[in-house]
Amino acid sequence: MDESPTPTAGGFRLSLAAAGEAWSWRLTTPEGGRLGGLAPDPSAACRSAAFAAAVAAALDRARSRRI
């Protein structure tokens, strides 16, 4: 990614970069895991990253629970 990561709520870092006619986004979790994808424009890339961050946070919470 060409752009430096932007800190987000929850400790995630978001990077956006133009990738031809699409925008590439990469989300780095506080633990160092990476999620990424492509979107048609920067706002869609941010929405996709926000959704991925919500899912990753929910999975982390579920993983930490004990029954």
C-alpha atoms as a PDB file:
ATOM      1  CA  MET A   1       0.000   0.000   0.000  1.00  0.00           C
ATOM      2  CA  ASP A   2       1.244   3.442  -0.830  1.00  0.00           C
ATOM      3  CA  GLU A   3      -0.507   5.286   1.960  1.00  0.00           C
ATOM      4  CA  SER A   4       0.463   5.049   5.597  1.00  0.00           C
ATOM      5  CA  PRO A   5      -2.065   3.268   7.837  1.00  0.00           C
ATOM      6  CA  THR A   6      -4.693   5.379   9.577  1.00  0.00           C
ATOM      7  CA  PRO A   7      -5.546   4.376  13.169  1.00  0.00           C
ATOM      8  CA  THR A   8      -9.217   3.526  13.705  1.00  0.00           C
ATOM      9  CA  ALA A   9     -11.426   2.765  16.674  1.00  0.00           C
ATOM     10  CA  GLY A  10     -10.618  -0.531  18.312  1.00  0.00           C
ATOM     11  CA  GLY A  11      -6.911  -0.362  17.499  1.00  0.00           C
ATOM     12  CA  PHE A  12      -7.272  -1.373  13.841  1.00  0.00           C
ATOM     13  CA  ARG A  13      -5.189   0.380  11.169  1.00  0.00           C
ATOM     14  CA  LEU A  14      -6.664   1.150   7.748  1.00  0.00           C
ATOM     15  CA  SER A  15      -4.705   1.635   4.526  1.00  0.00           C
ATOM     16  CA  LEU A  16      -6.275   2.708   1.231  1.00  0.00           C
ATOM     17  CA  ALA A  17      -4.623   2.802  -2.189  1.00  0.00           C
ATOM     18  CA  ALA A  18      -5.759   3.223  -5.762  1.00  0.00           C
ATOM     19  CA  ALA A  19      -5.485  -0.091  -7.619  1.00  0.00           C
ATOM     20  CA  GLY A  20      -6.253   0.674 -11.231  1.00  0.00           C
ATOM     21  CA  GLU A  21      -9.974   1.389 -11.549  1.00  0.00           C
ATOM     22  CA  ALA A  22     -10.665   0.082  -8.029  1.00  0.00           C
ATOM     23  CA  TRP A  23      -9.510   0.980  -4.534  1.00  0.00           C
ATOM     24  CA  SER A  24      -7.632  -1.499  -2.397  1.00  0.00           C
ATOM     25  CA  TRP A  25      -8.118  -1.474   1.360  1.00  0.00           C
ATOM     26  CA  ARG A  26      -6.168  -3.280   4.054  1.00  0.00           C
ATOM     27  CA  LEU A  27      -7.122  -3.491   7.702  1.00  0.00           C
ATOM     28  CA  THR A  28      -4.513  -4.568  10.245  1.00  0.00           C
ATOM     29  CA  THR A  29      -5.794  -5.882  13.574  1.00  0.00           C
ATOM     30  CA  PRO A  30      -4.140  -5.005  16.904  1.00  0.00           C
ATOM     31  CA  GLU A  31      -2.685  -8.549  16.927  1.00  0.00           C
ATOM     32  CA  GLY A  32      -1.141  -8.061  13.466  1.00  0.00           C
ATOM     33  CA  GLY A  33      -3.689  -9.992  11.389  1.00  0.00           C
ATOM     34  CA  ARG A  34      -4.533  -8.533   8.003  1.00  0.00           C
ATOM     35  CA  LEU A  35      -7.822  -8.301   6.148  1.00  0.00           C
ATOM     36  CA  GLY A  36      -8.204  -6.698   2.745  1.00  0.00           C
ATOM     37  CA  GLY A  37     -10.225  -6.310  -0.394  1.00  0.00           C
ATOM     38  CA  LEU A  38     -11.161  -4.161  -3.360  1.00  0.00           C
ATOM     39  CA  ALA A  39     -13.924  -1.591  -3.736  1.00  0.00           C
ATOM     40  CA  PRO A  40     -15.084   0.684  -6.568  1.00  0.00           C
ATOM     41  CA  ASP A  41     -14.379   3.966  -4.740  1.00  0.00           C
ATOM     42  CA  PRO A  42     -12.747   5.250  -1.528  1.00  0.00           C
ATOM     43  CA  SER A  43     -15.984   5.578   0.434  1.00  0.00           C
ATOM     44  CA  ALA A  44     -17.000   2.010  -0.425  1.00  0.00           C
ATOM     45  CA  ALA A  45     -13.514   0.860   0.601  1.00  0.00           C
ATOM     46  CA  CYS A  46     -13.939   2.556   3.980  1.00  0.00           C
ATOM     47  CA  ARG A  47     -17.372   0.978   4.465  1.00  0.00           C
ATOM     48  CA  SER A  48     -16.010  -2.460   3.559  1.00  0.00           C
ATOM     49  CA  ALA A  49     -13.128  -2.024   5.995  1.00  0.00           C
ATOM     50  CA  ALA A  50     -15.518  -0.876   8.725  1.00  0.00           C
ATOM     51  CA  PHE A  51     -17.649  -3.982   8.205  1.00  0.00           C
ATOM     52  CA  ALA A  52     -14.545  -6.197   8.285  1.00  0.00           C
ATOM     53  CA  ALA A  53     -13.408  -4.503  11.507  1.00  0.00           C
ATOM     54  CA  ALA A  54     -16.803  -5.148  13.131  1.00  0.00           C
ATOM     55  CA  VAL A  55     -16.692  -8.814  12.121  1.00  0.00           C
ATOM     56  CA  ALA A  56     -13.084  -9.241  13.311  1.00  0.00           C
ATOM     57  CA  ALA A  57     -13.922  -7.620  16.670  1.00  0.00           C
ATOM     58  CA  ALA A  58     -16.991  -9.852  17.085  1.00  0.00           C
ATOM     59  CA  LEU A  59     -14.949 -12.963  16.300  1.00  0.00           C
ATOM     60  CA  ASP A  60     -12.309 -11.897  18.844  1.00  0.00           C
ATOM     61  CA  ARG A  61     -15.012 -11.441  21.500  1.00  0.00           C
ATOM     62  CA  ALA A  62     -16.531 -14.819  20.671  1.00  0.00           C
ATOM     63  CA  ARG A  63     -13.109 -16.488  20.801  1.00  0.00           C
ATOM     64  CA  SER A  64     -12.463 -15.108  24.288  1.00  0.00           C
ATOM     65  CA  ARG A  65     -15.734 -16.389  25.754  1.00  0.00           C
ATOM     66  CA  ARG A  66     -15.856 -19.638  27.660  1.00  0.00           C
ATOM     67  CA  ILE A  67     -18.996 -21.726  28.052  1.00  0.00           C
END
